[in-house]
Structure formats: structure tokens, C-alpha cells
Amino acid sequence: MSELLRLFEEYMKTEKRSSANTVSSYLRYASQFEAEMLDRDCLLTEVQKGDVEDYIHILIRRGKSAATVTRSIASIRCFYRCLVDLGLRIMTLRRGLLR
């Protein structure tokens, strides 16, 4: 697990006070997103809205359910809110997928 995901896990546990099940689920989806971005040589701190949109389209093309896609989006949103709250990213991805 990357350092950013470790920070995200701690953030979910302490700041968000999420249940163990939610933490596990969000980490799984964030890890899958991280793997896809690394395959594209895209650092998580440099991801743009279009990268997230492309990823969502990939999930849909792979036949992932609407529920899985929705949970992935929620996890990615929370991950980037975490980075902003921790001062590791100046702004969240805006409009559309990430608010």
C-alpha cells in the first residue's frame, strides 16, 4: 500500500470515523484507482478530472455494475478530499464527478 493510501486509511478512521467495513471498501476502490493511474504513469497528486472520467468509462466497459461504479466514485471523491484536508493537494477535482 502506498503512503498516500496509508494516510487515507488513517484519515478515514480518525477524521471521518468510518466503520472498519467502510474503510476496507474505500481502500480497495482507491487501490484499484491507484493501480490504473500508475499504469498510465499518472501520480495520484496530479490526477485531473479527465483521468477520473476515463477510469469510470473503463469500469463500465469492463462490465462493472452501477453500484460498483458509484462506490468507486465515492471512494475517489473521499480520497481527494482527504488529500486537500491534509494539505497534499491544493484543490479537489471540480465539477461533475468530484465536488
PDB file of N, CA and C in Angstrom:
ATOM      1  N   MET A   1       0.840  -1.177   0.000  1.00  0.00           N
ATOM      2  CA  MET A   1       0.000   0.000   0.000  1.00  0.00           C
ATOM      3  C   MET A   1       0.888   1.243   0.000  1.00  0.00           C
ATOM      4  N   SER A   2       0.534   2.203  -0.832  1.00  0.00           N
ATOM      5  CA  SER A   2       1.325   3.428  -0.933  1.00  0.00           C
ATOM      6  C   SER A   2       1.144   4.291   0.322  1.00  0.00           C
ATOM      7  N   GLU A   3       2.045   5.231   0.478  1.00  0.00           N
ATOM      8  CA  GLU A   3       1.971   6.149   1.618  1.00  0.00           C
ATOM      9  C   GLU A   3       0.680   6.970   1.576  1.00  0.00           C
ATOM     10  N   LEU A   4       0.256   7.397   0.389  1.00  0.00           N
ATOM     11  CA  LEU A   4      -0.984   8.168   0.284  1.00  0.00           C
ATOM     12  C   LEU A   4      -2.174   7.348   0.734  1.00  0.00           C
ATOM     13  N   LEU A   5      -2.195   6.081   0.373  1.00  0.00           N
ATOM     14  CA  LEU A   5      -3.309   5.229   0.801  1.00  0.00           C
ATOM     15  C   LEU A   5      -3.260   4.950   2.299  1.00  0.00           C
ATOM     16  N   ARG A   6      -2.056   4.867   2.858  1.00  0.00           N
ATOM     17  CA  ARG A   6      -1.945   4.716   4.317  1.00  0.00           C
ATOM     18  C   ARG A   6      -2.497   5.959   5.030  1.00  0.00           C
ATOM     19  N   LEU A   7      -2.175   7.121   4.490  1.00  0.00           N
ATOM     20  CA  LEU A   7      -2.715   8.361   5.053  1.00  0.00           C
ATOM     21  C   LEU A   7      -4.237   8.408   4.918  1.00  0.00           C
ATOM     22  N   PHE A   8      -4.730   7.947   3.787  1.00  0.00           N
ATOM     23  CA  PHE A   8      -6.174   7.900   3.546  1.00  0.00           C
ATOM     24  C   PHE A   8      -6.848   6.965   4.553  1.00  0.00           C
ATOM     25  N   GLU A   9      -6.238   5.828   4.802  1.00  0.00           N
ATOM     26  CA  GLU A   9      -6.792   4.882   5.768  1.00  0.00           C
ATOM     27  C   GLU A   9      -6.890   5.532   7.150  1.00  0.00           C
ATOM     28  N   GLU A  10      -5.832   6.180   7.556  1.00  0.00           N
ATOM     29  CA  GLU A  10      -5.821   6.841   8.864  1.00  0.00           C
ATOM     30  C   GLU A  10      -6.862   7.960   8.917  1.00  0.00           C
ATOM     31  N   TYR A  11      -6.970   8.723   7.841  1.00  0.00           N
ATOM     32  CA  TYR A  11      -7.958   9.797   7.729  1.00  0.00           C
ATOM     33  C   TYR A  11      -9.377   9.239   7.878  1.00  0.00           C
ATOM     34  N   MET A  12      -9.651   8.139   7.194  1.00  0.00           N
ATOM     35  CA  MET A  12     -10.982   7.534   7.268  1.00  0.00           C
ATOM     36  C   MET A  12     -11.299   7.083   8.694  1.00  0.00           C
ATOM     37  N   LYS A  13     -10.297   6.545   9.371  1.00  0.00           N
ATOM     38  CA  LYS A  13     -10.509   6.040  10.728  1.00  0.00           C
ATOM     39  C   LYS A  13     -10.655   7.157  11.745  1.00  0.00           C
ATOM     40  N   THR A  14      -9.819   8.188  11.630  1.00  0.00           N
ATOM     41  CA  THR A  14      -9.786   9.222  12.671  1.00  0.00           C
ATOM     42  C   THR A  14     -10.664  10.429  12.361  1.00  0.00           C
ATOM     43  N   GLU A  15     -10.519  10.986  11.175  1.00  0.00           N
ATOM     44  CA  GLU A  15     -11.264  12.199  10.835  1.00  0.00           C
ATOM     45  C   GLU A  15     -12.721  11.899  10.476  1.00  0.00           C
ATOM     46  N   LYS A  16     -12.919  10.872   9.687  1.00  0.00           N
ATOM     47  CA  LYS A  16     -14.267  10.530   9.229  1.00  0.00           C
ATOM     48  C   LYS A  16     -14.971   9.573  10.187  1.00  0.00           C
ATOM     49  N   ARG A  17     -14.176   8.910  11.029  1.00  0.00           N
ATOM     50  CA  ARG A  17     -14.712   7.924  11.966  1.00  0.00           C
ATOM     51  C   ARG A  17     -15.579   6.888  11.265  1.00  0.00           C
ATOM     52  N   SER A  18     -15.065   6.420  10.142  1.00  0.00           N
ATOM     53  CA  SER A  18     -15.774   5.429   9.337  1.00  0.00           C
ATOM     54  C   SER A  18     -15.654   4.048   9.968  1.00  0.00           C
ATOM     55  N   SER A  19     -16.625   3.213   9.672  1.00  0.00           N
ATOM     56  CA  SER A  19     -16.598   1.838  10.163  1.00  0.00           C
ATOM     57  C   SER A  19     -15.463   1.076   9.485  1.00  0.00           C
ATOM     58  N   ALA A  20     -15.059  -0.012  10.093  1.00  0.00           N
ATOM     59  CA  ALA A  20     -13.994  -0.846   9.520  1.00  0.00           C
ATOM     60  C   ALA A  20     -14.379  -1.331   8.130  1.00  0.00           C
ATOM     61  N   ASN A  21     -15.646  -1.655   7.930  1.00  0.00           N
ATOM     62  CA  ASN A  21     -16.118  -2.126   6.635  1.00  0.00           C
ATOM     63  C   ASN A  21     -16.008  -1.032   5.571  1.00  0.00           C
ATOM     64  N   THR A  22     -16.376   0.188   5.936  1.00  0.00           N
ATOM     65  CA  THR A  22     -16.282   1.320   5.002  1.00  0.00           C
ATOM     66  C   THR A  22     -14.823   1.611   4.670  1.00  0.00           C
ATOM     67  N   VAL A  23     -13.969   1.612   5.666  1.00  0.00           N
ATOM     68  CA  VAL A  23     -12.543   1.857   5.442  1.00  0.00           C
ATOM     69  C   VAL A  23     -11.987   0.817   4.477  1.00  0.00           C
ATOM     70  N   SER A  24     -12.294  -0.440   4.720  1.00  0.00           N
ATOM     71  CA  SER A  24     -11.813  -1.523   3.865  1.00  0.00           C
ATOM     72  C   SER A  24     -12.302  -1.359   2.426  1.00  0.00           C
ATOM     73  N   SER A  25     -13.574  -1.055   2.274  1.00  0.00           N
ATOM     74  CA  SER A  25     -14.159  -0.884   0.948  1.00  0.00           C
ATOM     75  C   SER A  25     -13.545   0.302   0.205  1.00  0.00           C
ATOM     76  N   TYR A  26     -13.458   1.452   0.872  1.00  0.00           N
ATOM     77  CA  TYR A  26     -12.903   2.642   0.230  1.00  0.00           C
ATOM     78  C   TYR A  26     -11.436   2.435  -0.139  1.00  0.00           C
ATOM     79  N   LEU A  27     -10.700   1.755   0.719  1.00  0.00           N
ATOM     80  CA  LEU A  27      -9.293   1.476   0.402  1.00  0.00           C
ATOM     81  C   LEU A  27      -9.164   0.566  -0.807  1.00  0.00           C
ATOM     82  N   ARG A  28     -10.030  -0.430  -0.887  1.00  0.00           N
ATOM     83  CA  ARG A  28      -9.997  -1.345  -2.034  1.00  0.00           C
ATOM     84  C   ARG A  28     -10.231  -0.574  -3.337  1.00  0.00           C
ATOM     85  N   TYR A  29     -11.260   0.274  -3.359  1.00  0.00           N
ATOM     86  CA  TYR A  29     -11.552   1.038  -4.577  1.00  0.00           C
ATOM     87  C   TYR A  29     -10.458   2.060  -4.880  1.00  0.00           C
ATOM     88  N   ALA A  30      -9.932   2.695  -3.855  1.00  0.00           N
ATOM     89  CA  ALA A  30      -8.842   3.655  -4.064  1.00  0.00           C
ATOM     90  C   ALA A  30      -7.582   2.955  -4.556  1.00  0.00           C
ATOM     91  N   SER A  31      -7.318   1.755  -4.071  1.00  0.00           N
ATOM     92  CA  SER A  31      -6.156   0.978  -4.532  1.00  0.00           C
ATOM     93  C   SER A  31      -6.290   0.597  -5.997  1.00  0.00           C
ATOM     94  N   GLN A  32      -7.492   0.217  -6.394  1.00  0.00           N
ATOM     95  CA  GLN A  32      -7.732  -0.119  -7.805  1.00  0.00           C
ATOM     96  C   GLN A  32      -7.530   1.108  -8.692  1.00  0.00           C
ATOM     97  N   PHE A  33      -8.004   2.247  -8.217  1.00  0.00           N
ATOM     98  CA  PHE A  33      -7.819   3.501  -8.955  1.00  0.00           C
ATOM     99  C   PHE A  33      -6.337   3.842  -9.047  1.00  0.00           C
ATOM    100  N   GLU A  34      -5.628   3.715  -7.928  1.00  0.00           N
ATOM    101  CA  GLU A  34      -4.194   3.997  -7.910  1.00  0.00           C
ATOM    102  C   GLU A  34      -3.452   3.108  -8.910  1.00  0.00           C
ATOM    103  N   ALA A  35      -3.790   1.829  -8.951  1.00  0.00           N
ATOM    104  CA  ALA A  35      -3.132   0.898  -9.874  1.00  0.00           C
ATOM    105  C   ALA A  35      -3.344   1.321 -11.320  1.00  0.00           C
ATOM    106  N   GLU A  36      -4.555   1.730 -11.641  1.00  0.00           N
ATOM    107  CA  GLU A  36      -4.849   2.173 -13.011  1.00  0.00           C
ATOM    108  C   GLU A  36      -4.071   3.445 -13.346  1.00  0.00           C
ATOM    109  N   MET A  37      -3.990   4.373 -12.413  1.00  0.00           N
ATOM    110  CA  MET A  37      -3.255   5.610 -12.664  1.00  0.00           C
ATOM    111  C   MET A  37      -1.758   5.331 -12.803  1.00  0.00           C
ATOM    112  N   LEU A  38      -1.221   4.430 -11.996  1.00  0.00           N
ATOM    113  CA  LEU A  38       0.198   4.074 -12.111  1.00  0.00           C
ATOM    114  C   LEU A  38       0.487   3.417 -13.457  1.00  0.00           C
ATOM    115  N   ASP A  39      -0.453   2.618 -13.955  1.00  0.00           N
ATOM    116  CA  ASP A  39      -0.294   2.018 -15.293  1.00  0.00           C
ATOM    117  C   ASP A  39      -0.190   3.090 -16.371  1.00  0.00           C
ATOM    118  N   ARG A  40      -0.775   4.245 -16.099  1.00  0.00           N
ATOM    119  CA  ARG A  40      -0.748   5.371 -17.041  1.00  0.00           C
ATOM    120  C   ARG A  40       0.388   6.345 -16.733  1.00  0.00           C
ATOM    121  N   ASP A  41       1.234   6.011 -15.766  1.00  0.00           N
ATOM    122  CA  ASP A  41       2.308   6.903 -15.315  1.00  0.00           C
ATOM    123  C   ASP A  41       1.762   8.237 -14.814  1.00  0.00           C
ATOM    124  N   CYS A  42       0.634   8.171 -14.121  1.00  0.00           N
ATOM    125  CA  CYS A  42      -0.012   9.367 -13.591  1.00  0.00           C
ATOM    126  C   CYS A  42       0.026   9.303 -12.067  1.00  0.00           C
ATOM    127  N   LEU A  43       0.685  10.270 -11.451  1.00  0.00           N
ATOM    128  CA  LEU A  43       0.738  10.333  -9.992  1.00  0.00           C
ATOM    129  C   LEU A  43      -0.623  10.718  -9.431  1.00  0.00           C
ATOM    130  N   LEU A  44      -0.984  10.141  -8.306  1.00  0.00           N
ATOM    131  CA  LEU A  44      -2.285  10.452  -7.704  1.00  0.00           C
ATOM    132  C   LEU A  44      -2.432  11.922  -7.363  1.00  0.00           C
ATOM    133  N   THR A  45      -1.341  12.574  -7.038  1.00  0.00           N
ATOM    134  CA  THR A  45      -1.406  14.002  -6.704  1.00  0.00           C
ATOM    135  C   THR A  45      -1.559  14.885  -7.941  1.00  0.00           C
ATOM    136  N   GLU A  46      -1.435  14.287  -9.129  1.00  0.00           N
ATOM    137  CA  GLU A  46      -1.533  15.055 -10.373  1.00  0.00           C
ATOM    138  C   GLU A  46      -2.737  14.675 -11.230  1.00  0.00           C
ATOM    139  N   VAL A  47      -3.593  13.811 -10.714  1.00  0.00           N
ATOM    140  CA  VAL A  47      -4.767  13.361 -11.458  1.00  0.00           C
ATOM    141  C   VAL A  47      -5.681  14.549 -11.764  1.00  0.00           C
ATOM    142  N   GLN A  48      -6.222  14.538 -12.967  1.00  0.00           N
ATOM    143  CA  GLN A  48      -7.176  15.563 -13.401  1.00  0.00           C
ATOM    144  C   GLN A  48      -8.554  14.925 -13.558  1.00  0.00           C
ATOM    145  N   LYS A  49      -9.555  15.754 -13.690  1.00  0.00           N
ATOM    146  CA  LYS A  49     -10.933  15.280 -13.845  1.00  0.00           C
ATOM    147  C   LYS A  49     -11.055  14.289 -14.997  1.00  0.00           C
ATOM    148  N   GLY A  50     -10.403  14.570 -16.104  1.00  0.00           N
ATOM    149  CA  GLY A  50     -10.468  13.686 -17.266  1.00  0.00           C
ATOM    150  C   GLY A  50      -9.914  12.297 -16.982  1.00  0.00           C
ATOM    151  N   ASP A  51      -8.896  12.213 -16.127  1.00  0.00           N
ATOM    152  CA  ASP A  51      -8.346  10.906 -15.751  1.00  0.00           C
ATOM    153  C   ASP A  51      -9.388  10.079 -14.998  1.00  0.00           C
ATOM    154  N   VAL A  52     -10.119  10.737 -14.109  1.00  0.00           N
ATOM    155  CA  VAL A  52     -11.159  10.040 -13.356  1.00  0.00           C
ATOM    156  C   VAL A  52     -12.283   9.614 -14.296  1.00  0.00           C
ATOM    157  N   GLU A  53     -12.680  10.506 -15.191  1.00  0.00           N
ATOM    158  CA  GLU A  53     -13.733  10.161 -16.150  1.00  0.00           C
ATOM    159  C   GLU A  53     -13.319   8.970 -17.004  1.00  0.00           C
ATOM    160  N   ASP A  54     -12.070   8.959 -17.474  1.00  0.00           N
ATOM    161  CA  ASP A  54     -11.571   7.822 -18.260  1.00  0.00           C
ATOM    162  C   ASP A  54     -11.636   6.537 -17.444  1.00  0.00           C
ATOM    163  N   TYR A  55     -11.252   6.613 -16.185  1.00  0.00           N
ATOM    164  CA  TYR A  55     -11.270   5.442 -15.319  1.00  0.00           C
ATOM    165  C   TYR A  55     -12.697   4.906 -15.163  1.00  0.00           C
ATOM    166  N   ILE A  56     -13.648   5.795 -14.966  1.00  0.00           N
ATOM    167  CA  ILE A  56     -15.048   5.382 -14.830  1.00  0.00           C
ATOM    168  C   ILE A  56     -15.526   4.697 -16.106  1.00  0.00           C
ATOM    169  N   HIS A  57     -15.138   5.220 -17.248  1.00  0.00           N
ATOM    170  CA  HIS A  57     -15.513   4.591 -18.520  1.00  0.00           C
ATOM    171  C   HIS A  57     -14.884   3.206 -18.646  1.00  0.00           C
ATOM    172  N   ILE A  58     -13.677   3.056 -18.160  1.00  0.00           N
ATOM    173  CA  ILE A  58     -13.018   1.741 -18.176  1.00  0.00           C
ATOM    174  C   ILE A  58     -13.813   0.755 -17.323  1.00  0.00           C
ATOM    175  N   LEU A  59     -14.238   1.184 -16.136  1.00  0.00           N
ATOM    176  CA  LEU A  59     -15.030   0.295 -15.278  1.00  0.00           C
ATOM    177  C   LEU A  59     -16.306  -0.141 -15.977  1.00  0.00           C
ATOM    178  N   ILE A  60     -16.956   0.797 -16.631  1.00  0.00           N
ATOM    179  CA  ILE A  60     -18.203   0.492 -17.341  1.00  0.00           C
ATOM    180  C   ILE A  60     -17.930  -0.487 -18.482  1.00  0.00           C
ATOM    181  N   ARG A  61     -16.871  -0.234 -19.256  1.00  0.00           N
ATOM    182  CA  ARG A  61     -16.524  -1.141 -20.361  1.00  0.00           C
ATOM    183  C   ARG A  61     -16.174  -2.544 -19.865  1.00  0.00           C
ATOM    184  N   ARG A  62     -15.637  -2.632 -18.667  1.00  0.00           N
ATOM    185  CA  ARG A  62     -15.305  -3.938 -18.075  1.00  0.00           C
ATOM    186  C   ARG A  62     -16.542  -4.643 -17.527  1.00  0.00           C
ATOM    187  N   GLY A  63     -17.685  -3.994 -17.631  1.00  0.00           N
ATOM    188  CA  GLY A  63     -18.931  -4.607 -17.198  1.00  0.00           C
ATOM    189  C   GLY A  63     -19.210  -4.502 -15.716  1.00  0.00           C
ATOM    190  N   LYS A  64     -18.564  -3.552 -15.037  1.00  0.00           N
ATOM    191  CA  LYS A  64     -18.806  -3.367 -13.605  1.00  0.00           C
ATOM    192  C   LYS A  64     -20.230  -2.847 -13.394  1.00  0.00           C
ATOM    193  N   SER A  65     -20.843  -3.253 -12.314  1.00  0.00           N
ATOM    194  CA  SER A  65     -22.216  -2.849 -12.021  1.00  0.00           C
ATOM    195  C   SER A  65     -22.278  -1.357 -11.701  1.00  0.00           C
ATOM    196  N   ALA A  66     -23.487  -0.822 -11.803  1.00  0.00           N
ATOM    197  CA  ALA A  66     -23.691   0.587 -11.460  1.00  0.00           C
ATOM    198  C   ALA A  66     -23.315   0.842 -10.004  1.00  0.00           C
ATOM    199  N   ALA A  67     -23.601  -0.110  -9.133  1.00  0.00           N
ATOM    200  CA  ALA A  67     -23.261   0.045  -7.712  1.00  0.00           C
ATOM    201  C   ALA A  67     -21.748   0.114  -7.520  1.00  0.00           C
ATOM    202  N   THR A  68     -21.013  -0.709  -8.240  1.00  0.00           N
ATOM    203  CA  THR A  68     -19.552  -0.695  -8.139  1.00  0.00           C
ATOM    204  C   THR A  68     -18.991   0.632  -8.646  1.00  0.00           C
ATOM    205  N   VAL A  69     -19.510   1.104  -9.745  1.00  0.00           N
ATOM    206  CA  VAL A  69     -19.055   2.384 -10.298  1.00  0.00           C
ATOM    207  C   VAL A  69     -19.349   3.514  -9.320  1.00  0.00           C
ATOM    208  N   THR A  70     -20.537   3.510  -8.749  1.00  0.00           N
ATOM    209  CA  THR A  70     -20.921   4.546  -7.787  1.00  0.00           C
ATOM    210  C   THR A  70     -20.021   4.511  -6.560  1.00  0.00           C
ATOM    211  N   ARG A  71     -19.735   3.321  -6.044  1.00  0.00           N
ATOM    212  CA  ARG A  71     -18.846   3.204  -4.876  1.00  0.00           C
ATOM    213  C   ARG A  71     -17.430   3.654  -5.222  1.00  0.00           C
ATOM    214  N   SER A  72     -16.995   3.356  -6.440  1.00  0.00           N
ATOM    215  CA  SER A  72     -15.660   3.805  -6.872  1.00  0.00           C
ATOM    216  C   SER A  72     -15.585   5.327  -6.884  1.00  0.00           C
ATOM    217  N   ILE A  73     -16.609   5.953  -7.423  1.00  0.00           N
ATOM    218  CA  ILE A  73     -16.646   7.419  -7.472  1.00  0.00           C
ATOM    219  C   ILE A  73     -16.633   7.998  -6.058  1.00  0.00           C
ATOM    220  N   ALA A  74     -17.438   7.441  -5.170  1.00  0.00           N
ATOM    221  CA  ALA A  74     -17.486   7.927  -3.785  1.00  0.00           C
ATOM    222  C   ALA A  74     -16.124   7.784  -3.117  1.00  0.00           C
ATOM    223  N   SER A  75     -15.453   6.681  -3.369  1.00  0.00           N
ATOM    224  CA  SER A  75     -14.139   6.439  -2.773  1.00  0.00           C
ATOM    225  C   SER A  75     -13.106   7.430  -3.292  1.00  0.00           C
ATOM    226  N   ILE A  76     -13.134   7.675  -4.593  1.00  0.00           N
ATOM    227  CA  ILE A  76     -12.189   8.609  -5.204  1.00  0.00           C
ATOM    228  C   ILE A  76     -12.445  10.024  -4.690  1.00  0.00           C
ATOM    229  N   ARG A  77     -13.719  10.408  -4.581  1.00  0.00           N
ATOM    230  CA  ARG A  77     -14.057  11.730  -4.032  1.00  0.00           C
ATOM    231  C   ARG A  77     -13.490  11.887  -2.633  1.00  0.00           C
ATOM    232  N   CYS A  78     -13.734  10.891  -1.806  1.00  0.00           N
ATOM    233  CA  CYS A  78     -13.274  10.955  -0.416  1.00  0.00           C
ATOM    234  C   CYS A  78     -11.753  10.997  -0.352  1.00  0.00           C
ATOM    235  N   PHE A  79     -11.093  10.230  -1.208  1.00  0.00           N
ATOM    236  CA  PHE A  79      -9.634  10.222  -1.239  1.00  0.00           C
ATOM    237  C   PHE A  79      -9.091  11.618  -1.541  1.00  0.00           C
ATOM    238  N   TYR A  80      -9.664  12.288  -2.529  1.00  0.00           N
ATOM    239  CA  TYR A  80      -9.160  13.620  -2.878  1.00  0.00           C
ATOM    240  C   TYR A  80      -9.542  14.679  -1.844  1.00  0.00           C
ATOM    241  N   ARG A  81     -10.684  14.513  -1.177  1.00  0.00           N
ATOM    242  CA  ARG A  81     -10.991  15.414  -0.062  1.00  0.00           C
ATOM    243  C   ARG A  81      -9.953  15.240   1.039  1.00  0.00           C
ATOM    244  N   CYS A  82      -9.549  14.000   1.263  1.00  0.00           N
ATOM    245  CA  CYS A  82      -8.513  13.703   2.260  1.00  0.00           C
ATOM    246  C   CYS A  82      -7.211  14.419   1.900  1.00  0.00           C
ATOM    247  N   LEU A  83      -6.791  14.317   0.642  1.00  0.00           N
ATOM    248  CA  LEU A  83      -5.539  14.961   0.230  1.00  0.00           C
ATOM    249  C   LEU A  83      -5.601  16.470   0.424  1.00  0.00           C
ATOM    250  N   VAL A  84      -6.738  17.066   0.129  1.00  0.00           N
ATOM    251  CA  VAL A  84      -6.897  18.503   0.318  1.00  0.00           C
ATOM    252  C   VAL A  84      -6.853  18.838   1.809  1.00  0.00           C
ATOM    253  N   ASP A  85      -7.596  18.071   2.603  1.00  0.00           N
ATOM    254  CA  ASP A  85      -7.628  18.328   4.051  1.00  0.00           C
ATOM    255  C   ASP A  85      -6.247  18.185   4.681  1.00  0.00           C
ATOM    256  N   LEU A  86      -5.434  17.275   4.147  1.00  0.00           N
ATOM    257  CA  LEU A  86      -4.090  17.068   4.684  1.00  0.00           C
ATOM    258  C   LEU A  86      -3.054  18.003   4.065  1.00  0.00           C
ATOM    259  N   GLY A  87      -3.503  18.856   3.134  1.00  0.00           N
ATOM    260  CA  GLY A  87      -2.601  19.817   2.503  1.00  0.00           C
ATOM    261  C   GLY A  87      -1.694  19.212   1.446  1.00  0.00           C
ATOM    262  N   LEU A  88      -2.074  18.039   0.930  1.00  0.00           N
ATOM    263  CA  LEU A  88      -1.256  17.367  -0.078  1.00  0.00           C
ATOM    264  C   LEU A  88      -1.711  17.684  -1.500  1.00  0.00           C
ATOM    265  N   ARG A  89      -2.825  18.345  -1.603  1.00  0.00           N
ATOM    266  CA  ARG A  89      -3.341  18.800  -2.892  1.00  0.00           C
ATOM    267  C   ARG A  89      -4.044  20.113  -2.620  1.00  0.00           C
ATOM    268  N   ILE A  90      -3.856  21.080  -3.502  1.00  0.00           N
ATOM    269  CA  ILE A  90      -4.393  22.414  -3.266  1.00  0.00           C
ATOM    270  C   ILE A  90      -5.899  22.475  -3.473  1.00  0.00           C
ATOM    271  N   MET A  91      -6.386  21.779  -4.479  1.00  0.00           N
ATOM    272  CA  MET A  91      -7.826  21.807  -4.720  1.00  0.00           C
ATOM    273  C   MET A  91      -8.311  20.435  -5.155  1.00  0.00           C
ATOM    274  N   THR A  92      -9.599  20.205  -4.930  1.00  0.00           N
ATOM    275  CA  THR A  92     -10.194  18.966  -5.384  1.00  0.00           C
ATOM    276  C   THR A  92     -10.457  19.073  -6.881  1.00  0.00           C
ATOM    277  N   LEU A  93     -10.743  17.950  -7.471  1.00  0.00           N
ATOM    278  CA  LEU A  93     -11.161  17.949  -8.868  1.00  0.00           C
ATOM    279  C   LEU A  93     -12.558  18.574  -8.890  1.00  0.00           C
ATOM    280  N   ARG A  94     -12.792  19.478  -9.790  1.00  0.00           N
ATOM    281  CA  ARG A  94     -14.029  20.238  -9.760  1.00  0.00           C
ATOM    282  C   ARG A  94     -15.025  19.784 -10.816  1.00  0.00           C
ATOM    283  N   ARG A  95     -16.275  20.072 -10.516  1.00  0.00           N
ATOM    284  CA  ARG A  95     -17.405  19.897 -11.421  1.00  0.00           C
ATOM    285  C   ARG A  95     -17.578  18.455 -11.882  1.00  0.00           C
ATOM    286  N   GLY A  96     -18.768  18.033 -11.784  1.00  0.00           N
ATOM    287  CA  GLY A  96     -19.076  16.697 -12.264  1.00  0.00           C
ATOM    288  C   GLY A  96     -18.774  15.631 -11.240  1.00  0.00           C
ATOM    289  N   LEU A  97     -17.796  14.817 -11.533  1.00  0.00           N
ATOM    290  CA  LEU A  97     -17.518  13.644 -10.705  1.00  0.00           C
ATOM    291  C   LEU A  97     -17.108  13.998  -9.296  1.00  0.00           C
ATOM    292  N   LEU A  98     -16.218  14.958  -9.159  1.00  0.00           N
ATOM    293  CA  LEU A  98     -15.701  15.288  -7.828  1.00  0.00           C
ATOM    294  C   LEU A  98     -16.081  16.711  -7.468  1.00  0.00           C
ATOM    295  N   ARG A  99     -16.830  16.825  -6.396  1.00  0.00           N
ATOM    296  CA  ARG A  99     -17.280  18.145  -5.974  1.00  0.00           C
ATOM    297  C   ARG A  99     -16.597  18.529  -4.688  1.00  0.00           C
TER     298      ARG A  99
END
